[in-house]
Protein backbone atom coordinates (compact mmCIF):
# COMPACT_ATOMS: atom_id res chain seq x y z
CA MET A 1 107.25 99.67 109.19
CA THR A 2 110.73 98.42 108.34
CA THR A 3 111.84 98.37 104.71
CA LEU A 4 115.17 97.22 103.27
CA SER A 5 116.38 100.67 102.86
CA GLY A 6 115.29 101.44 106.51
CA LEU A 7 117.35 98.36 107.71
CA ARG A 8 120.36 99.42 105.69
CA ALA A 9 120.10 103.08 106.72
CA GLY A 10 119.94 102.06 110.32
CA THR A 11 123.07 99.88 110.16
CA ASP A 12 125.46 101.75 107.77
CA GLY A 13 128.95 101.19 108.76
CA ALA A 14 128.04 98.64 111.30
CA ALA A 15 128.07 95.30 109.13
CA SER A 16 131.46 94.55 110.58
CA GLY A 17 130.57 95.22 114.19
CA ARG A 18 129.58 92.76 116.91
CA ALA A 19 125.84 93.48 116.71
CA PRO A 20 125.42 92.33 113.00
CA ARG A 21 127.26 89.17 113.88
CA VAL A 22 124.95 88.53 116.80
CA LEU A 23 122.02 89.27 114.58
CA LEU A 24 123.28 86.82 111.88
CA LEU A 25 123.60 84.05 114.50
CA VAL A 26 120.10 84.72 115.65
CA LEU A 27 118.80 84.43 112.16
CA SER A 28 120.81 81.34 111.38
CA ALA A 29 119.63 79.72 114.57
CA SER A 30 116.17 80.33 113.43
CA MET A 31 116.91 78.79 110.04
CA LEU A 32 118.32 75.92 111.87
CA ILE A 33 115.06 75.40 113.89
CA ASP A 34 113.10 75.60 110.62
CA ALA A 35 115.21 72.98 108.98
CA LEU A 36 115.31 70.79 112.03
CA GLU A 37 111.38 70.85 112.25
CA VAL A 38 111.29 69.04 108.87
CA SER A 39 113.54 66.30 109.80
CA VAL A 40 113.05 65.88 113.57
CA VAL A 41 109.62 64.09 113.28
CA LEU A 42 110.99 61.45 110.80
CA PRO A 43 112.37 58.92 113.40
CA ALA A 44 109.52 59.67 115.68
CA LEU A 45 106.69 58.95 113.13
CA PRO A 46 106.39 55.32 113.88
CA ALA A 47 106.08 55.92 117.62
CA VAL A 48 103.50 58.65 117.03
CA GLY A 49 101.50 56.39 114.81
CA ARG A 50 101.51 53.56 117.49
CA ASP A 51 100.59 55.98 120.38
CA LEU A 52 97.75 57.79 118.41
CA GLY A 53 96.51 54.84 116.56
CA LEU A 54 97.39 56.02 113.11
CA SER A 55 98.46 54.26 110.02
CA LEU A 56 101.31 55.36 107.88
CA TRP A 57 98.80 57.21 105.68
CA GLY A 58 97.49 59.13 108.89
CA VAL A 59 100.78 59.86 110.44
CA GLN A 60 102.45 61.14 107.44
CA TRP A 61 100.27 64.28 107.67
CA VAL A 62 102.43 65.25 110.55
CA MET A 63 105.23 65.84 108.09
CA SER A 64 103.08 66.85 104.99
CA GLY A 65 101.18 69.21 107.26
CA PHE A 66 104.29 71.22 107.96
CA ALA A 67 105.15 71.48 104.33
CA LEU A 68 101.53 72.47 103.37
CA GLY A 69 101.60 75.28 105.98
CA PHE A 70 104.91 76.38 104.78
CA ALA A 71 103.70 76.42 101.08
CA ALA A 72 100.40 78.17 101.92
CA LEU A 73 102.05 81.14 103.86
CA LEU A 74 104.99 81.71 101.71
CA LEU A 75 103.04 83.76 99.06
CA LEU A 76 101.68 85.84 101.85
CA GLY A 77 105.14 86.70 103.30
CA PRO A 78 106.05 89.39 100.63
CA ARG A 79 102.92 91.29 101.41
CA LEU A 80 103.33 91.22 105.14
CA THR A 81 107.00 92.36 104.88
CA ALA A 82 105.80 95.14 102.53
CA ARG A 83 103.09 96.31 104.91
CA TYR A 84 104.67 95.70 108.28
CA GLY A 85 108.41 95.40 107.47
CA ALA A 86 110.69 92.41 108.17
CA ARG A 87 110.81 92.81 112.08
CA ARG A 88 107.35 92.35 113.22
CA PRO A 89 106.19 89.24 111.11
CA TYR A 90 109.55 87.61 112.16
CA LEU A 91 109.11 88.10 115.96
CA TRP A 92 105.39 87.26 115.91
CA ALA A 93 106.15 83.98 113.93
CA LEU A 94 108.54 82.92 116.57
CA LEU A 95 106.07 83.44 119.33
CA VAL A 96 103.29 81.58 117.66
CA PHE A 97 105.79 78.74 116.72
CA ALA A 98 106.68 78.34 120.38
CA ALA A 99 103.05 78.12 121.38
CA ALA A 100 102.31 75.64 118.56
CA SER A 101 105.34 73.50 119.78
CA VAL A 102 103.80 73.19 123.22
CA ALA A 103 100.25 72.48 121.97
CA GLY A 104 101.59 69.80 119.66
CA GLY A 105 103.76 68.11 122.21
CA THR A 106 101.10 67.85 124.97
CA THR A 107 98.02 66.90 122.89
CA GLY A 108 96.49 63.59 122.62
CA SER A 109 94.56 64.27 119.52
CA ALA A 110 95.90 63.50 116.08
CA ALA A 111 93.93 66.26 114.64
CA VAL A 112 95.34 68.79 116.96
CA LEU A 113 98.85 67.65 116.46
CA ILE A 114 98.56 67.84 112.58
CA GLY A 115 97.01 71.26 113.02
CA THR A 116 99.98 72.56 115.07
CA ARG A 117 102.31 71.23 112.49
CA VAL A 118 100.42 73.24 109.77
CA VAL A 119 100.74 76.37 111.97
CA LYS A 120 104.38 75.87 112.56
CA GLY A 121 104.95 75.35 108.79
CA GLY A 122 103.22 78.73 108.28
CA CYS A 123 105.56 80.35 110.88
CA ALA A 124 108.60 78.99 109.15
CA ALA A 125 107.32 80.36 105.92
CA LEU A 126 107.61 83.87 107.56
CA THR A 127 110.92 83.39 109.38
CA ALA A 128 112.92 81.78 106.53
CA PRO A 129 112.42 84.43 103.68
CA THR A 130 112.17 87.22 106.17
CA GLY A 131 115.53 86.25 107.62
CA LEU A 132 117.03 86.41 104.02
CA THR A 133 115.31 89.91 103.71
CA ILE A 134 116.93 91.22 106.85
CA ILE A 135 120.42 89.80 105.89
CA SER A 136 120.03 91.54 102.44
CA GLY A 137 119.21 94.96 104.38
CA VAL A 138 121.90 94.71 107.09
CA PHE A 139 125.03 93.24 105.25
CA PRO A 140 126.36 95.32 102.40
CA ASP A 141 126.58 93.61 98.81
CA GLY A 142 129.79 91.64 98.09
CA ALA A 143 131.79 89.52 100.38
CA PRO A 144 130.05 90.56 103.68
CA ARG A 145 126.69 89.48 102.27
CA ARG A 146 128.07 86.32 100.64
CA ARG A 147 129.64 85.13 103.96
CA ALA A 148 126.29 86.01 105.82
CA VAL A 149 124.24 83.84 103.36
CA THR A 150 126.79 81.10 103.39
CA THR A 151 126.46 80.94 107.20
CA TYR A 152 122.64 81.18 107.10
CA SER A 153 122.57 78.28 104.56
CA LEU A 154 125.09 76.19 106.50
CA PHE A 155 122.94 76.37 109.67
CA GLY A 156 119.99 75.16 107.58
CA ALA A 157 121.85 72.18 106.25
CA ALA A 158 123.12 71.24 109.69
CA GLY A 159 119.69 71.65 111.15
CA PHE A 160 118.34 68.94 108.98
CA SER A 161 121.03 66.33 110.11
CA ALA A 162 120.92 67.46 113.67
CA GLY A 163 117.07 66.91 113.67
CA ILE A 164 117.53 63.29 112.62
CA LEU A 165 119.98 62.69 115.49
CA LEU A 166 118.02 64.54 118.11
CA SER A 167 114.79 62.95 117.32
CA GLY A 168 116.43 59.49 117.53
CA ALA A 169 117.70 60.37 121.01
CA LEU A 170 114.36 62.13 122.25
CA THR A 171 112.11 59.55 120.82
CA SER A 172 113.72 56.87 122.89
CA ALA A 173 112.23 58.76 125.83
CA SER A 174 108.97 59.91 124.37
CA TRP A 175 108.17 61.25 120.90
CA ARG A 176 106.65 64.27 122.70
CA TRP A 177 110.06 65.75 123.46
CA THR A 178 110.69 66.02 119.65
CA LEU A 179 107.79 68.55 119.51
CA LEU A 180 108.29 70.31 122.84
CA PHE A 181 111.95 71.15 122.81
CA PRO A 182 111.80 73.85 120.03
CA ALA A 183 109.47 75.98 122.27
CA PRO A 184 112.08 77.28 124.73
CA VAL A 185 114.71 77.57 121.99
CA ALA A 186 112.19 79.78 119.95
CA LEU A 187 111.45 81.95 123.00
CA VAL A 188 115.23 82.60 123.62
CA LEU A 189 115.57 83.54 119.95
CA LEU A 190 112.68 85.85 120.18
CA ALA A 191 114.12 87.62 123.15
CA VAL A 192 117.41 88.07 121.43
CA ALA A 193 115.89 88.96 118.01
CA ALA A 194 113.81 91.58 119.51
CA ARG A 195 117.02 93.33 120.67
CA GLN A 196 119.14 92.70 117.57
CA ILE A 197 116.78 93.24 114.64
CA PRO A 198 116.98 96.94 113.82
CA PRO A 199 113.59 98.78 114.05
CA GLY A 200 112.61 100.68 110.92
CA GLY A 201 110.48 103.68 110.47
CA GLY A 202 108.09 104.87 107.85
CA ALA A 203 106.20 103.21 105.09
CA ARG A 204 107.66 101.97 101.83
CA GLY A 205 108.08 104.84 99.57
CA PRO A 206 107.10 104.97 95.93
CA GLY A 207 109.48 102.97 93.71
CA PRO A 208 109.45 100.56 90.80
CA ARG A 209 106.34 98.42 90.48
CA PRO A 210 106.96 95.08 92.16
CA ALA A 211 106.98 91.85 90.35
CA THR A 212 103.86 89.67 90.25
CA PHE A 213 103.62 85.97 90.67
CA GLY A 214 102.00 85.82 87.21
CA SER A 215 104.74 87.61 85.52
CA LEU A 216 107.51 85.40 87.16
CA LEU A 217 105.90 82.30 85.95
CA HIS A 218 107.22 83.32 82.58
CA ASN A 219 110.81 83.11 83.75
CA ALA A 220 112.00 79.79 82.45
CA ALA A 221 115.00 79.53 84.71
CA LEU A 222 113.04 80.31 87.78
CA VAL A 223 110.34 77.86 87.02
CA ARG A 224 112.83 75.20 85.96
CA SER A 225 114.64 75.70 89.43
CA ALA A 226 111.29 75.37 91.25
CA VAL A 227 110.17 72.18 89.53
CA GLY A 228 113.67 70.62 89.96
CA ALA A 229 113.73 71.49 93.62
CA ALA A 230 110.29 70.20 94.25
CA CYS A 231 111.18 66.95 92.63
CA LEU A 232 114.44 66.58 94.57
CA ASN A 233 113.02 67.65 98.03
CA GLY A 234 109.74 65.68 97.58
CA THR A 235 111.52 62.41 96.49
CA PHE A 236 114.14 62.76 99.17
CA LEU A 237 111.62 63.07 101.98
CA GLY A 238 109.60 60.09 100.48
CA LEU A 239 112.63 57.93 100.53
CA LEU A 240 113.34 58.85 104.16
CA LEU A 241 109.76 58.24 105.13
CA LEU A 242 109.70 54.77 103.68
CA THR A 243 113.09 53.91 105.21
CA ALA A 244 112.23 55.11 108.61
CA PHE A 245 109.12 52.90 108.77
CA ASP A 246 110.75 49.87 107.28
CA LEU A 247 113.66 50.10 109.86
CA GLN A 248 111.42 50.46 112.77
CA ASP A 249 108.26 48.79 112.05
CA GLY A 250 109.48 46.27 109.63
CA ARG A 251 112.81 45.43 111.22
CA GLY A 252 112.46 46.45 114.84
CA TRP A 253 115.17 49.03 114.98
CA PRO A 254 114.90 51.32 117.96
CA PRO A 255 114.50 55.10 117.08
CA TRP A 256 118.08 55.95 117.74
CA ALA A 257 119.33 53.29 115.48
CA ALA A 258 116.92 54.16 112.69
CA ALA A 259 118.08 57.81 112.97
CA LEU A 260 121.66 56.77 112.56
CA GLY A 261 120.53 54.69 109.39
CA LEU A 262 119.16 57.88 107.72
CA LEU A 263 122.30 59.89 108.13
CA PRO A 264 124.06 58.81 104.86
CA ALA A 265 121.37 60.69 103.04
CA CYS A 266 121.56 63.83 105.24
CA LEU A 267 124.96 64.30 106.61
CA PRO A 268 126.90 64.88 103.15
CA LEU A 269 125.03 68.16 102.49
CA ALA A 270 125.84 69.45 105.88
CA VAL A 271 129.50 68.66 105.62
CA SER A 272 129.83 69.97 102.03
CA ALA A 273 127.76 73.25 102.57
CA PRO A 274 130.72 75.56 103.19
CA PHE A 275 132.35 74.46 99.81
CA ALA A 276 129.20 74.71 97.65
CA GLY A 277 130.17 78.24 96.43
CA ARG A 278 133.46 76.96 94.98
CA LEU A 279 131.78 74.05 93.35
CA ILE A 280 129.29 76.16 91.61
CA ALA A 281 131.98 78.65 90.48
CA ARG A 282 133.79 75.86 88.87
CA ALA A 283 131.09 73.78 87.22
CA GLY A 284 128.03 76.12 87.03
CA PRO A 285 124.61 75.67 88.48
CA PRO A 286 123.04 73.88 85.23
CA ARG A 287 125.65 71.08 85.14
CA LEU A 288 125.48 70.51 88.96
CA ILE A 289 121.65 70.33 88.82
CA ALA A 290 121.60 67.90 86.16
CA ALA A 291 124.18 65.65 87.73
CA GLY A 292 122.33 65.76 91.10
CA ALA A 293 119.01 65.04 89.31
CA ALA A 294 120.69 62.14 87.74
CA ALA A 295 122.12 60.79 90.98
CA ALA A 296 118.62 60.94 92.59
CA ALA A 297 116.78 59.23 89.76
CA LEU A 298 119.30 56.46 89.86
CA ALA A 299 118.91 56.15 93.65
CA TYR A 300 115.17 55.48 93.30
CA ALA A 301 115.45 53.30 90.21
CA ASP A 302 117.82 51.11 92.03
CA GLN A 303 115.15 50.03 94.52
CA LEU A 304 113.12 48.77 91.55
CA MET A 305 115.64 46.28 90.53
CA PRO A 306 114.51 42.58 91.06
CA TRP A 307 117.81 41.68 92.80
CA ARG A 308 117.61 44.44 95.30
CA GLU A 309 116.89 43.03 98.85
CA ARG A 310 114.58 44.79 101.21
CA THR A 311 117.30 45.20 103.79
CA TYR A 312 119.26 48.21 105.10
CA PRO A 313 122.34 47.30 102.96
CA GLY A 314 119.92 47.08 100.15
CA VAL A 315 118.67 50.67 100.62
CA LEU A 316 122.08 52.15 101.67
CA PRO A 317 123.24 52.69 98.11
CA SER A 318 120.14 54.72 97.47
CA LEU A 319 120.55 56.88 100.66
CA ILE A 320 124.14 57.62 99.70
CA LEU A 321 123.18 58.56 96.02
CA VAL A 322 120.38 60.78 97.30
CA GLY A 323 122.81 62.49 99.73
CA THR A 324 125.29 62.99 96.73
CA ALA A 325 122.34 64.54 94.70
CA PHE A 326 121.74 67.15 97.46
CA VAL A 327 125.49 67.94 97.61
CA LEU A 328 125.60 68.53 93.85
CA SER A 329 122.33 70.45 93.17
CA PHE A 330 120.68 71.73 96.30
CA THR A 331 122.67 75.05 96.58
CA ALA A 332 122.96 75.12 92.71
CA LEU A 333 119.23 75.27 92.51
CA ASN A 334 118.86 78.10 94.97
CA MET A 335 121.61 80.02 93.20
CA GLN A 336 119.94 79.43 89.79
CA ALA A 337 116.60 80.50 91.12
CA THR A 338 117.78 83.72 92.64
CA SER A 339 120.16 84.51 89.83
CA ALA A 340 117.39 84.20 87.28
CA VAL A 341 115.58 87.21 88.61
CA SER A 342 116.60 90.91 89.26
CA ALA A 343 117.13 92.25 92.70
CA ALA A 344 113.77 94.03 92.55
CA GLU A 345 112.02 90.66 91.65
CA ARG A 346 113.75 88.61 94.47
CA PRO A 347 111.36 89.40 97.35
CA VAL A 348 108.52 87.90 95.39
CA ALA A 349 110.60 85.25 93.31
CA VAL A 350 112.14 83.60 96.24
CA PRO A 351 108.90 82.83 98.13
CA LEU A 352 107.37 81.53 94.82
CA TYR A 353 110.45 79.24 94.42
CA GLN A 354 110.14 77.96 98.01
CA THR A 355 106.48 77.38 97.47
CA GLY A 356 107.31 75.00 94.70
CA VAL A 357 109.69 73.18 96.95
CA GLN A 358 107.29 72.72 99.84
CA ALA A 359 104.31 71.90 97.59
CA GLY A 360 106.46 69.19 96.00
CA ALA A 361 107.31 67.75 99.47
CA ALA A 362 103.64 67.69 100.55
CA LEU A 363 102.38 66.19 97.45
CA THR A 364 105.18 63.45 97.25
CA LEU A 365 104.70 62.52 101.00
CA VAL A 366 100.92 62.17 100.60
CA LEU A 367 101.24 60.06 97.40
CA THR A 368 104.07 58.02 98.80
CA ALA A 369 102.10 56.98 101.86
CA ALA A 370 98.87 56.44 100.02
CA LEU A 371 100.74 53.77 97.70
CA ARG A 372 102.52 52.22 100.62
CA THR A 373 99.20 51.95 102.64
CA ARG A 374 97.16 50.76 99.56
CA PHE A 375 99.48 48.10 98.18
CA ARG A 376 101.62 45.40 99.63
CA GLY A 377 105.25 46.15 99.48
CA GLU A 378 107.22 49.22 98.64
CA TRP A 379 107.52 48.84 94.88
CA PRO A 380 104.65 51.20 93.83
CA ALA A 381 105.93 53.94 96.12
CA PHE A 382 109.46 53.56 94.78
CA ALA A 383 107.88 53.52 91.16
CA LEU A 384 106.34 56.94 92.12
CA LEU A 385 109.81 58.30 93.29
CA THR A 386 111.58 56.96 90.33
CA GLY A 387 108.98 58.61 88.02
CA MET A 388 109.39 62.03 89.79
CA GLY A 389 113.12 61.72 89.97
CA ALA A 390 113.11 61.06 86.15
CA ALA A 391 111.00 64.25 85.71
CA GLY A 392 113.31 66.24 87.72
CA LEU A 393 116.12 64.92 85.45
CA LEU A 394 114.38 65.88 82.21
CA VAL A 395 113.69 69.29 83.54
CA ALA A 396 117.42 69.69 84.55
CA LEU A 397 118.52 68.59 81.06
CA THR A 398 116.62 71.35 79.43
CA GLY A 399 118.73 73.84 81.30
CA LEU A 400 121.91 72.35 79.63
CA ARG A 401 120.75 73.67 76.22
CA PRO A 402 122.66 76.63 74.89
CA ALA A 403 120.66 79.88 74.55
CA VAL A 404 119.27 80.23 71.17
CA PRO A 405 120.19 83.57 69.52
CA ASP A 406 117.56 85.97 68.32
CA ASP A 407 117.83 85.91 64.44
CA THR A 408 115.43 88.79 64.23
CA GLU A 409 117.67 91.09 65.93
CA ASP A 410 119.25 93.86 63.80
CA PRO A 411 122.94 93.04 63.66
CA ALA A 412 123.82 96.66 63.19
């Protein structure tokens, strides 16, 4: 069973060599696929709904099912890693991911399709945090690890934008290709990862008692980060869902044009990701998180204004504002969440944080689709997004309060 110490011991002095760089590319490519899976179905959803006879409420489960599977398995990840090491769960997750991609792309059943998306979300829940665990073990602390994590994050940000564009192109042929194409990619990654991820030996030795989920819920900064990221991610996906259906079913745009129409909300994060660290160093995470939350809340509130036309130029300012919100606060939220806990707590804290993010996405997508299906027009759905955006802003503002000194402490 591979542990962090086992990974590090097996690669001492090699972090600057070719093999760790190849390993980083493999792990980053896996992160790209995970991020792409979230966005790739967006432009394809209207076509999936028409082909399988699903309403907006029914077809949104293709997206929210992935988020539910992700959230459900995240909390299991630390236990699997502790028992089997980082390598085995990672490789098995890639194999199951490829099989689920083939099953989802070839099925004619909506239930099977949604089920495969839940399975793929569960696989992503194992590869994403496990990839960070492997990076922490292979790359030494300091500049090498910061560069590795930056590369890993950049691939994730680029994957979301790439998924939008790729889906627009593939859906023009058939929406099934959007679900099939990750299978051969995952198999190639599996073959390379099996050679590059260092095998460990021995079980985890005795050490400090690991953190528990219950104890981490008392960490205000971690909980604040999870709630803020849940609101940001959930409302962002809700906006893209509404826009994708409005452009295709409401205005007759082809999938490729609808995909291009969504880019103002996605591309800014991919372009700015390499500079996120400098921005955080200058302004600090709490300020950036609050600024991003304010931009997101304004984006949704703008759609409630009586003068706002239900046209693409009418929704474009909201897409740009949400893209700006992600540039400001996405990396800052991740940084605040991981900095709020000790190194020993991070293997449990990071999955807990990511569970909040994915649960927020699933819940928001379900509620947004339900309101859009139940009521005429998009006003109720945007009212929900505005309320959640305002909640995220209020949570972010609490992080700006200065720490209150403990008056009971003995000054001597």
